[in-house]
Amino acid sequence: MNLTRRHFFQHCGHGVGKIALASLLTGATTARGQAPNPLAPRRPHFTPKARAVIHLFMAGAPSQLELFDYKPRLAQLEGRPIPPEVIGGQRYAFIRHDAAVLGPRFRFSRYGQSGAELSEMLPHLSTVADDLCIIKSVRTDQFNHGPAQIFLNTGFAQPGRPSFGSWVVYGLGAETDNLPAFVVMSTGTGISGGAANWASGFLPTVYAGVRLRNSGEPILNVASPQGIDATLERETLELVTRLNRERLSVLGDPEIATRINAYEMAFRLQTSAPELMDLRGESRATLDLYGCNPEQPSFARACLVARRLVERGVRFVNIYHEGWDAHTDVAGNVRGNCRTTDQASAALVKDLKRRGLLDSTLVIWGGEFGRTPMVESNPALGRSLGRDHHPQAFTIWLAGGGVKRGLTYGATDELGFHVVENPVHIHDLQATFLHLLGLDHERLTYHYAGRDFRLTDVFGHVVRDILA
């Protein structure tokens, strides 16, 4: 028989046992015997700039050299190998170290008063250039998609750690009782890193992301079974909740509190989820702004739903758009993905701004790493004019949420290979994002397996130069 510490104090030790038991149960139940809400709002470490995050994750890694980081020198050197001293000891999965240079496939121009340099493939984003903070000097430790995606989202390259969204909800709690605090949507073919990207790791599972489906029921296992009326459902829920609370008072297991919260949330979602996904109340002008057909799943529809989510108090929204892995025909890959994402990404910034939500919502756009200046061509695999994975340097952009507007930060060398100005590591981004939400990345910890863990592990510095 396995005896818990609580069981020992309950049945042994008399007076001291009762005192210890009372201490252990602190927080397990409220004064009325009710389970506490693990998503109750919590005070940040300091005054936040942002209250919500929308992370537009471009899975597969967009080519920064076709979108944000124009390198005319590559055009001059196209067809020649990059000097070996530039590459150093870097190894690649699909190309040789002496692969030829591939020049940029598209024209670039400067936009807005800020003069942000953007590709012709971003005609819509160029209209909000002065609202963007473009960071050209991001670098990562990971080379392959799955580990790099998990690393960016959890601070660790292997599954099992809490995701960024989970840390945020753990640190700040929820602002709404009617929708999950952390919502995940996907608009592509699949994520290399899988559910580890939005899992709660060793945090209680109440902090995990909740998948919102593109069609059918928005959230699985929420609708009432056929033949079950509201009265029977409510009575069943009350019975299950009462049994769970009794068990919680004995074991103090946070997963029981999670279960209670999940049942209550599912009941409320029967009303709130359909209302959220019903876009008939949106104006034709708004739908046209996003390029959204409300009846069809799309990245545009997901972006519009993301705005509706933060409008209703959701704390963290992830949209995963897969398909940027341009090992062949990088020009076609970028052209197709921009056709799908550019208008809606820019529309999201415009829509949040006109509704007074941009200042309090941090929008993040980017992938897990960049693409090489060298070409990938492999006839055996049917590949030509592509680019391989490049962890040394890539670009993301931010908007709202307390970052400077109209700023281009950091720079790479003339070949786009190495960062030469203001390097920003993934851990630095994580520290900065938490800072904008009022959380100190060194103080936001969770004790597990004998030590305190945090999103940034033992690394990371806030990039103060980009803060408004």
Protein backbone atom coordinates (compact mmCIF):
# COMPACT_ATOMS: atom_id res chain seq x y z
CA MET A 1 0.00 0.00 0.00
CA ASN A 2 1.35 3.45 -0.93
CA LEU A 3 0.88 5.95 1.88
CA THR A 4 0.93 9.65 1.04
CA ARG A 5 2.39 12.21 3.41
CA ARG A 6 -1.09 13.61 3.88
CA HIS A 7 -2.42 10.15 4.81
CA PHE A 8 0.35 9.80 7.42
CA PHE A 9 -0.44 13.12 9.07
CA GLN A 10 -4.16 12.39 8.95
CA HIS A 11 -3.92 9.12 10.87
CA CYS A 12 -0.73 9.46 12.92
CA GLY A 13 0.89 11.97 15.17
CA HIS A 14 -2.28 13.34 16.84
CA GLY A 15 -1.77 17.05 17.66
CA VAL A 16 1.29 17.69 15.54
CA GLY A 17 -0.27 15.67 12.75
CA LYS A 18 -3.34 17.88 12.74
CA ILE A 19 -1.20 21.01 12.63
CA ALA A 20 0.87 19.62 9.78
CA LEU A 21 -2.24 18.50 7.92
CA ALA A 22 -3.76 21.95 8.22
CA SER A 23 -0.59 23.42 6.79
CA LEU A 24 -0.51 20.99 3.89
CA LEU A 25 -4.10 21.67 3.01
CA THR A 26 -3.56 25.42 2.85
CA GLY A 27 -4.61 26.41 -0.66
CA ALA A 28 -6.09 23.00 -1.44
CA THR A 29 -9.58 24.20 -0.60
CA THR A 30 -11.19 27.50 0.23
CA ALA A 31 -12.84 28.35 3.52
CA ARG A 32 -16.13 27.00 2.20
CA GLY A 33 -14.56 23.73 1.13
CA GLN A 34 -14.54 24.75 -2.52
CA ALA A 35 -11.62 23.93 -4.77
CA PRO A 36 -9.57 27.05 -5.53
CA ASN A 37 -9.46 28.28 -9.08
CA PRO A 38 -5.94 27.50 -10.36
CA LEU A 39 -6.52 30.11 -13.06
CA ALA A 40 -7.43 32.94 -10.69
CA PRO A 41 -5.76 36.22 -11.78
CA ARG A 42 -2.39 36.83 -10.14
CA ARG A 43 -0.39 40.00 -9.71
CA PRO A 44 2.57 40.37 -12.07
CA HIS A 45 6.02 41.17 -10.71
CA PHE A 46 5.75 44.73 -12.03
CA THR A 47 3.44 46.85 -14.16
CA PRO A 48 3.02 45.10 -17.52
CA LYS A 49 2.93 46.66 -20.96
CA ALA A 50 0.94 43.77 -22.44
CA ARG A 51 -1.90 41.68 -21.06
CA ALA A 52 -2.19 39.21 -23.95
CA VAL A 53 -0.04 37.53 -26.60
CA ILE A 54 -0.84 36.40 -30.15
CA HIS A 55 2.01 34.29 -31.51
CA LEU A 56 1.88 33.72 -35.27
CA PHE A 57 4.27 30.80 -35.52
CA MET A 58 5.52 30.24 -39.07
CA ALA A 59 6.52 26.60 -38.70
CA GLY A 60 9.14 25.30 -41.09
CA ALA A 61 11.19 28.52 -40.99
CA PRO A 62 10.50 31.33 -43.49
CA SER A 63 13.43 32.54 -45.57
CA GLN A 64 14.53 35.84 -44.06
CA LEU A 65 16.62 36.45 -47.22
CA GLU A 66 13.45 36.56 -49.35
CA LEU A 67 11.37 38.56 -46.85
CA PHE A 68 13.28 40.86 -44.49
CA ASP A 69 17.06 40.70 -44.80
CA TYR A 70 18.04 41.96 -48.27
CA LYS A 71 21.58 41.03 -49.30
CA PRO A 72 22.58 42.36 -52.74
CA ARG A 73 26.02 40.80 -52.26
CA LEU A 74 24.42 37.38 -52.62
CA ALA A 75 23.18 38.33 -56.06
CA GLN A 76 26.72 39.30 -57.04
CA LEU A 77 28.14 35.99 -55.76
CA GLU A 78 25.38 33.71 -57.01
CA GLY A 79 26.77 30.42 -58.25
CA ARG A 80 30.04 30.68 -56.31
CA PRO A 81 30.78 28.89 -53.01
CA ILE A 82 30.80 30.93 -49.81
CA PRO A 83 34.35 31.28 -48.47
CA PRO A 84 35.08 28.40 -46.02
CA GLU A 85 36.20 30.84 -43.31
CA VAL A 86 32.64 32.23 -43.22
CA ILE A 87 31.06 28.83 -42.66
CA GLY A 88 33.63 27.62 -40.14
CA GLY A 89 32.67 24.26 -38.68
CA GLN A 90 28.94 24.52 -39.46
CA ARG A 91 27.46 21.28 -40.80
CA TYR A 92 24.23 20.97 -42.77
CA ALA A 93 21.65 18.25 -43.16
CA PHE A 94 21.01 18.49 -46.89
CA ILE A 95 23.79 20.56 -48.51
CA ARG A 96 27.56 20.48 -48.65
CA HIS A 97 29.57 23.14 -46.84
CA ASP A 98 30.81 24.41 -50.23
CA ALA A 99 27.33 24.77 -51.77
CA ALA A 100 26.95 27.72 -54.12
CA VAL A 101 25.46 31.05 -53.14
CA LEU A 102 21.81 31.72 -54.04
CA GLY A 103 20.85 35.36 -54.48
CA PRO A 104 17.59 36.89 -53.23
CA ARG A 105 14.63 35.88 -55.35
CA PHE A 106 12.56 39.07 -54.91
CA ARG A 107 12.89 42.83 -54.98
CA PHE A 108 12.96 44.87 -51.77
CA SER A 109 11.80 48.42 -51.05
CA ARG A 110 11.64 50.74 -48.06
CA TYR A 111 8.30 51.57 -46.47
CA GLY A 112 6.83 54.05 -44.03
CA GLN A 113 8.53 56.83 -42.16
CA SER A 114 10.72 54.19 -40.53
CA GLY A 115 12.11 53.09 -43.89
CA ALA A 116 11.70 49.40 -43.05
CA GLU A 117 13.13 47.27 -45.85
CA LEU A 118 10.65 44.60 -46.90
CA SER A 119 10.18 42.18 -49.78
CA GLU A 120 7.70 42.68 -52.59
CA MET A 121 6.08 39.48 -51.27
CA LEU A 122 4.80 41.48 -48.25
CA PRO A 123 2.59 44.16 -49.83
CA HIS A 124 0.13 44.15 -46.93
CA LEU A 125 2.71 44.07 -44.14
CA SER A 126 4.42 47.03 -45.76
CA THR A 127 1.32 49.12 -44.97
CA VAL A 128 1.93 48.67 -41.22
CA ALA A 129 5.73 49.02 -41.40
CA ASP A 130 5.71 51.85 -38.85
CA ASP A 131 3.93 49.63 -36.31
CA LEU A 132 6.54 46.86 -36.52
CA CYS A 133 9.65 46.06 -34.53
CA ILE A 134 11.76 43.94 -36.90
CA ILE A 135 14.58 41.96 -35.29
CA LYS A 136 17.09 40.71 -37.87
CA SER A 137 19.60 39.22 -35.45
CA VAL A 138 17.82 36.27 -33.84
CA ARG A 139 19.82 33.06 -33.36
CA THR A 140 19.07 29.64 -31.96
CA ASP A 141 20.97 26.59 -30.74
CA GLN A 142 18.87 24.09 -32.68
CA PHE A 143 19.18 22.93 -36.27
CA ASN A 144 16.24 20.59 -36.89
CA HIS A 145 12.57 21.55 -36.94
CA GLY A 146 11.17 19.58 -33.99
CA PRO A 147 13.89 20.50 -31.46
CA ALA A 148 14.03 24.10 -32.70
CA GLN A 149 10.27 24.58 -32.40
CA ILE A 150 10.21 23.06 -28.94
CA PHE A 151 13.26 25.11 -27.93
CA LEU A 152 11.63 28.37 -29.00
CA ASN A 153 8.38 27.52 -27.23
CA THR A 154 9.73 25.90 -24.04
CA GLY A 155 13.37 26.98 -23.67
CA PHE A 156 14.52 23.36 -23.98
CA ALA A 157 15.04 21.21 -27.06
CA GLN A 158 13.36 18.06 -25.75
CA PRO A 159 9.68 17.54 -24.87
CA GLY A 160 8.68 17.75 -21.22
CA ARG A 161 9.09 21.41 -20.30
CA PRO A 162 6.23 23.92 -19.94
CA SER A 163 5.52 26.01 -23.01
CA PHE A 164 5.72 29.79 -23.14
CA GLY A 165 1.93 30.09 -23.00
CA SER A 166 1.77 27.74 -20.02
CA TRP A 167 4.34 29.80 -18.12
CA VAL A 168 2.38 32.97 -18.86
CA VAL A 169 -0.92 31.55 -17.60
CA TYR A 170 0.84 30.02 -14.57
CA GLY A 171 2.33 33.42 -13.76
CA LEU A 172 -0.67 35.63 -14.44
CA GLY A 173 -3.78 33.43 -14.30
CA ALA A 174 -6.79 33.98 -16.55
CA GLU A 175 -8.93 37.03 -17.25
CA THR A 176 -12.00 35.10 -18.36
CA ASP A 177 -13.95 32.17 -16.96
CA ASN A 178 -15.76 31.43 -20.21
CA LEU A 179 -12.86 30.52 -22.49
CA PRO A 180 -9.52 28.78 -21.99
CA ALA A 181 -6.71 31.13 -21.00
CA PHE A 182 -4.34 29.55 -23.56
CA VAL A 183 -5.69 28.67 -27.01
CA VAL A 184 -3.90 26.94 -29.90
CA MET A 185 -4.91 26.87 -33.57
CA SER A 186 -3.24 25.21 -36.55
CA THR A 187 -3.67 26.11 -40.22
CA GLY A 188 -1.30 23.71 -41.96
CA THR A 189 -0.33 20.09 -42.32
CA GLY A 190 1.24 19.35 -38.94
CA ILE A 191 3.83 20.56 -36.43
CA SER A 192 7.21 18.84 -36.29
CA GLY A 193 7.45 19.41 -32.54
CA GLY A 194 3.86 18.31 -31.95
CA ALA A 195 1.86 19.05 -28.82
CA ALA A 196 5.08 19.59 -26.83
CA ASN A 197 4.98 23.12 -28.24
CA TRP A 198 1.91 24.01 -26.18
CA ALA A 199 2.03 21.42 -23.38
CA SER A 200 2.30 22.33 -19.71
CA GLY A 201 5.24 19.97 -19.04
CA PHE A 202 5.66 19.50 -15.32
CA LEU A 203 3.22 22.31 -14.52
CA PRO A 204 -0.33 21.21 -13.70
CA THR A 205 -2.18 20.41 -16.92
CA VAL A 206 -4.65 23.24 -16.33
CA TYR A 207 -1.95 25.46 -17.84
CA ALA A 208 -1.67 23.54 -21.12
CA GLY A 209 -2.89 25.04 -24.39
CA VAL A 210 -6.36 24.04 -25.61
CA ARG A 211 -6.68 23.19 -29.31
CA LEU A 212 -9.36 25.07 -31.21
CA ARG A 213 -10.42 23.10 -34.28
CA ASN A 214 -10.90 24.59 -37.74
CA SER A 215 -14.14 22.75 -38.46
CA GLY A 216 -16.85 20.83 -36.67
CA GLU A 217 -16.98 21.26 -32.92
CA PRO A 218 -14.52 24.05 -31.96
CA ILE A 219 -13.32 22.04 -28.95
CA LEU A 220 -13.69 18.28 -28.60
CA ASN A 221 -15.71 16.68 -25.79
CA VAL A 222 -17.64 19.83 -24.94
CA ALA A 223 -21.05 19.28 -26.56
CA SER A 224 -23.66 17.37 -24.58
CA PRO A 225 -24.17 13.72 -25.58
CA GLN A 226 -27.34 13.01 -27.49
CA GLY A 227 -30.32 12.51 -25.18
CA ILE A 228 -28.78 14.39 -22.22
CA ASP A 229 -30.73 17.47 -21.23
CA ALA A 230 -29.38 20.50 -19.35
CA THR A 231 -30.80 19.43 -15.98
CA LEU A 232 -29.23 15.97 -16.05
CA GLU A 233 -25.96 17.41 -17.26
CA ARG A 234 -25.87 20.00 -14.46
CA GLU A 235 -26.73 17.43 -11.79
CA THR A 236 -24.07 15.05 -13.11
CA LEU A 237 -21.48 17.82 -13.10
CA GLU A 238 -22.37 18.80 -9.52
CA LEU A 239 -22.01 15.18 -8.37
CA VAL A 240 -18.67 14.70 -10.10
CA THR A 241 -17.42 18.03 -8.75
CA ARG A 242 -18.44 17.15 -5.20
CA LEU A 243 -16.61 13.80 -5.41
CA ASN A 244 -13.54 15.48 -6.87
CA ARG A 245 -13.51 18.09 -4.10
CA GLU A 246 -13.70 15.40 -1.45
CA ARG A 247 -10.77 13.63 -3.06
CA LEU A 248 -8.85 16.89 -3.37
CA SER A 249 -9.25 17.55 0.36
CA VAL A 250 -7.62 14.17 1.07
CA LEU A 251 -4.82 14.12 -1.50
CA GLY A 252 -4.23 17.76 -2.36
CA ASP A 253 -3.27 16.68 -5.88
CA PRO A 254 -3.30 19.75 -8.19
CA GLU A 255 -4.44 17.54 -11.06
CA ILE A 256 -7.74 17.03 -9.22
CA ALA A 257 -8.18 20.82 -9.13
CA THR A 258 -7.39 20.81 -12.84
CA ARG A 259 -10.09 18.19 -13.40
CA ILE A 260 -12.67 20.24 -11.50
CA ASN A 261 -11.77 23.33 -13.51
CA ALA A 262 -11.96 21.36 -16.78
CA TYR A 263 -15.50 20.11 -16.08
CA GLU A 264 -16.71 23.59 -15.17
CA MET A 265 -14.98 25.14 -18.20
CA ALA A 266 -16.45 22.52 -20.55
CA PHE A 267 -19.94 23.36 -19.28
CA ARG A 268 -19.41 27.09 -19.92
CA LEU A 269 -17.81 26.43 -23.32
CA GLN A 270 -21.06 24.94 -24.59
CA THR A 271 -22.23 28.54 -24.85
CA SER A 272 -19.02 30.55 -25.28
CA ALA A 273 -17.27 28.42 -27.93
CA PRO A 274 -20.05 28.53 -30.57
CA GLU A 275 -20.48 32.28 -29.96
CA LEU A 276 -16.73 32.80 -30.41
CA MET A 277 -16.63 30.93 -33.71
CA ASP A 278 -19.76 32.54 -35.15
CA LEU A 279 -18.33 35.29 -37.36
CA ARG A 280 -21.66 36.46 -38.73
CA GLY A 281 -21.51 39.47 -36.43
CA GLU A 282 -18.31 40.72 -38.05
CA SER A 283 -18.77 43.45 -40.65
CA ARG A 284 -18.09 42.85 -44.32
CA ALA A 285 -15.33 45.46 -44.08
CA THR A 286 -13.60 43.45 -41.35
CA LEU A 287 -13.90 40.17 -43.23
CA ASP A 288 -12.49 41.85 -46.34
CA LEU A 289 -9.66 43.37 -44.32
CA TYR A 290 -8.50 39.88 -43.30
CA GLY A 291 -9.43 38.26 -46.62
CA CYS A 292 -11.56 35.88 -44.62
CA ASN A 293 -14.35 33.60 -45.76
CA PRO A 294 -16.10 32.93 -42.44
CA GLU A 295 -17.30 29.53 -43.63
CA GLN A 296 -13.88 28.16 -44.60
CA PRO A 297 -10.92 27.27 -42.35
CA SER A 298 -7.90 29.44 -43.16
CA PHE A 299 -5.04 31.38 -41.63
CA ALA A 300 -7.11 34.54 -42.15
CA ARG A 301 -10.02 33.08 -40.21
CA ALA A 302 -7.66 31.99 -37.42
CA CYS A 303 -6.24 35.53 -37.15
CA LEU A 304 -9.73 37.00 -36.90
CA VAL A 305 -10.66 34.44 -34.24
CA ALA A 306 -7.44 35.36 -32.39
CA ARG A 307 -8.57 38.96 -32.22
CA ARG A 308 -11.96 37.83 -30.91
CA LEU A 309 -10.21 35.69 -28.29
CA VAL A 310 -8.08 38.48 -26.82
CA GLU A 311 -11.12 40.76 -27.02
CA ARG A 312 -12.88 38.27 -24.74
CA GLY A 313 -10.04 38.09 -22.23
CA VAL A 314 -7.98 35.13 -23.48
CA ARG A 315 -4.40 35.50 -22.28
CA PHE A 316 -2.37 33.63 -24.91
CA VAL A 317 -3.11 32.56 -28.50
CA ASN A 318 -0.84 30.43 -30.70
CA ILE A 319 -1.50 30.11 -34.43
CA TYR A 320 0.74 27.53 -36.10
CA HIS A 321 1.00 27.93 -39.85
CA GLU A 322 3.10 25.11 -41.29
CA GLY A 323 4.69 24.80 -44.70
CA TRP A 324 7.67 27.18 -44.79
CA ASP A 325 10.31 24.44 -45.11
CA ALA A 326 11.76 25.55 -48.46
CA HIS A 327 14.32 22.87 -49.31
CA THR A 328 13.30 23.30 -52.94
CA ASP A 329 11.93 26.27 -54.90
CA VAL A 330 12.31 28.80 -52.14
CA ALA A 331 10.73 31.46 -54.35
CA GLY A 332 7.59 29.41 -54.89
CA ASN A 333 7.42 28.49 -51.22
CA VAL A 334 7.64 32.11 -50.08
CA ARG A 335 5.21 33.29 -52.73
CA GLY A 336 2.58 30.71 -51.75
CA ASN A 337 2.90 31.20 -48.01
CA CYS A 338 2.82 34.99 -48.26
CA ARG A 339 -0.30 34.72 -50.39
CA THR A 340 -1.85 32.84 -47.46
CA THR A 341 -0.49 34.83 -44.51
CA ASP A 342 0.55 38.37 -45.46
CA GLN A 343 -2.86 40.03 -45.67
CA ALA A 344 -4.21 38.48 -42.48
CA SER A 345 -1.04 39.18 -40.46
CA ALA A 346 -1.18 42.86 -41.40
CA ALA A 347 -4.95 42.94 -40.87
CA LEU A 348 -4.52 41.61 -37.34
CA VAL A 349 -2.20 44.52 -36.49
CA LYS A 350 -4.60 47.04 -38.06
CA ASP A 351 -7.67 45.54 -36.43
CA LEU A 352 -6.13 45.41 -32.96
CA LYS A 353 -4.94 49.00 -33.36
CA ARG A 354 -8.28 50.43 -34.43
CA ARG A 355 -10.01 48.66 -31.55
CA GLY A 356 -7.53 49.99 -28.98
CA LEU A 357 -6.11 46.52 -28.30
CA LEU A 358 -2.67 46.71 -29.92
CA ASP A 359 -0.97 48.53 -27.05
CA SER A 360 -1.98 45.75 -24.66
CA THR A 361 -1.48 42.82 -27.07
CA LEU A 362 1.96 41.57 -28.07
CA VAL A 363 1.93 40.15 -31.62
CA ILE A 364 4.85 37.87 -32.50
CA TRP A 365 5.59 36.63 -36.05
CA GLY A 366 8.38 34.22 -36.97
CA GLY A 367 9.65 30.68 -37.31
CA GLU A 368 12.10 28.41 -35.50
CA PHE A 369 15.24 29.36 -37.46
CA GLY A 370 16.27 30.87 -40.81
CA ARG A 371 17.42 29.66 -44.23
CA THR A 372 20.95 29.42 -45.64
CA PRO A 373 22.51 31.90 -48.09
CA MET A 374 23.61 28.81 -50.03
CA VAL A 375 21.43 26.93 -52.46
CA GLU A 376 20.03 23.46 -51.90
CA SER A 377 19.90 21.39 -55.07
CA ASN A 378 19.59 17.63 -55.00
CA PRO A 379 18.28 15.96 -58.18
CA ALA A 380 17.99 12.62 -56.39
CA LEU A 381 15.47 14.17 -54.01
CA GLY A 382 13.88 16.35 -56.66
CA ARG A 383 15.15 19.54 -55.03
CA SER A 384 16.46 22.67 -56.70
CA LEU A 385 16.81 26.36 -55.86
CA GLY A 386 15.93 25.80 -52.21
CA ARG A 387 17.60 26.79 -48.94
CA ASP A 388 18.64 24.62 -46.00
CA HIS A 389 18.15 25.24 -42.26
CA HIS A 390 20.15 28.14 -40.81
CA PRO A 391 20.28 28.59 -37.01
CA GLN A 392 22.92 31.36 -36.95
CA ALA A 393 20.68 34.22 -38.03
CA PHE A 394 17.01 34.84 -38.80
CA THR A 395 14.32 37.48 -38.53
CA ILE A 396 11.12 37.91 -36.55
CA TRP A 397 8.81 40.86 -36.17
CA LEU A 398 6.81 42.13 -33.22
CA ALA A 399 3.98 44.62 -32.88
CA GLY A 400 2.20 46.29 -29.97
CA GLY A 401 2.50 45.15 -26.38
CA GLY A 402 5.15 47.65 -25.32
CA VAL A 403 7.75 47.28 -28.09
CA LYS A 404 9.11 50.20 -30.09
CA ARG A 405 7.34 50.90 -33.33
CA GLY A 406 9.08 51.47 -36.64
CA LEU A 407 12.32 49.91 -35.37
CA THR A 408 14.67 47.60 -37.24
CA TYR A 409 17.04 46.02 -34.74
CA GLY A 410 20.20 43.99 -35.27
CA ALA A 411 22.04 43.14 -38.45
CA THR A 412 23.78 40.30 -40.25
CA ASP A 413 26.92 40.31 -42.41
CA GLU A 414 26.81 41.04 -46.14
CA LEU A 415 26.04 37.38 -46.84
CA GLY A 416 23.29 37.07 -44.23
CA PHE A 417 25.25 34.30 -42.56
CA HIS A 418 26.32 35.63 -39.15
CA VAL A 419 24.84 38.22 -36.79
CA VAL A 420 27.19 41.20 -36.60
CA GLU A 421 25.10 43.65 -34.58
CA ASN A 422 22.91 43.21 -31.48
CA PRO A 423 22.58 39.41 -31.35
CA VAL A 424 19.33 38.18 -29.81
CA HIS A 425 19.23 34.60 -28.57
CA ILE A 426 16.00 32.65 -28.18
CA HIS A 427 16.35 32.88 -24.39
CA ASP A 428 16.67 36.67 -24.72
CA LEU A 429 13.40 36.77 -26.64
CA GLN A 430 11.69 34.68 -23.98
CA ALA A 431 12.99 36.92 -21.20
CA THR A 432 11.82 40.01 -23.10
CA PHE A 433 8.35 38.67 -23.83
CA LEU A 434 7.83 37.80 -20.17
CA HIS A 435 9.10 41.26 -19.18
CA LEU A 436 6.50 42.90 -21.41
CA LEU A 437 3.85 40.90 -19.56
CA GLY A 438 5.13 42.14 -16.20
CA LEU A 439 7.01 38.94 -15.33
CA ASP A 440 10.66 38.67 -14.31
CA HIS A 441 12.03 35.61 -16.09
CA GLU A 442 14.39 34.91 -13.19
CA ARG A 443 11.58 35.01 -10.61
CA LEU A 444 8.94 33.07 -12.55
CA THR A 445 9.92 29.60 -11.37
CA TYR A 446 8.39 26.24 -10.53
CA HIS A 447 9.97 23.78 -8.12
CA TYR A 448 10.23 20.35 -9.66
CA ALA A 449 12.59 17.36 -9.28
CA GLY A 450 14.60 19.09 -6.60
CA ARG A 451 15.24 22.45 -8.22
CA ASP A 452 13.55 25.60 -9.48
CA PHE A 453 12.91 25.63 -13.23
CA ARG A 454 12.14 28.61 -15.43
CA LEU A 455 11.34 29.26 -19.11
CA THR A 456 14.81 30.64 -19.82
CA ASP A 457 16.63 27.93 -17.84
CA VAL A 458 19.78 29.70 -16.54
CA PHE A 459 20.10 32.06 -19.51
CA GLY A 460 18.46 35.08 -21.08
CA HIS A 461 18.61 38.86 -20.90
CA VAL A 462 15.82 41.35 -21.56
CA VAL A 463 16.43 43.17 -24.86
CA ARG A 464 15.80 46.63 -23.45
CA ASP A 465 16.67 48.43 -26.68
CA ILE A 466 13.38 47.32 -28.24
CA LEU A 467 11.16 48.35 -25.31
CA ALA A 468 8.95 51.39 -25.81
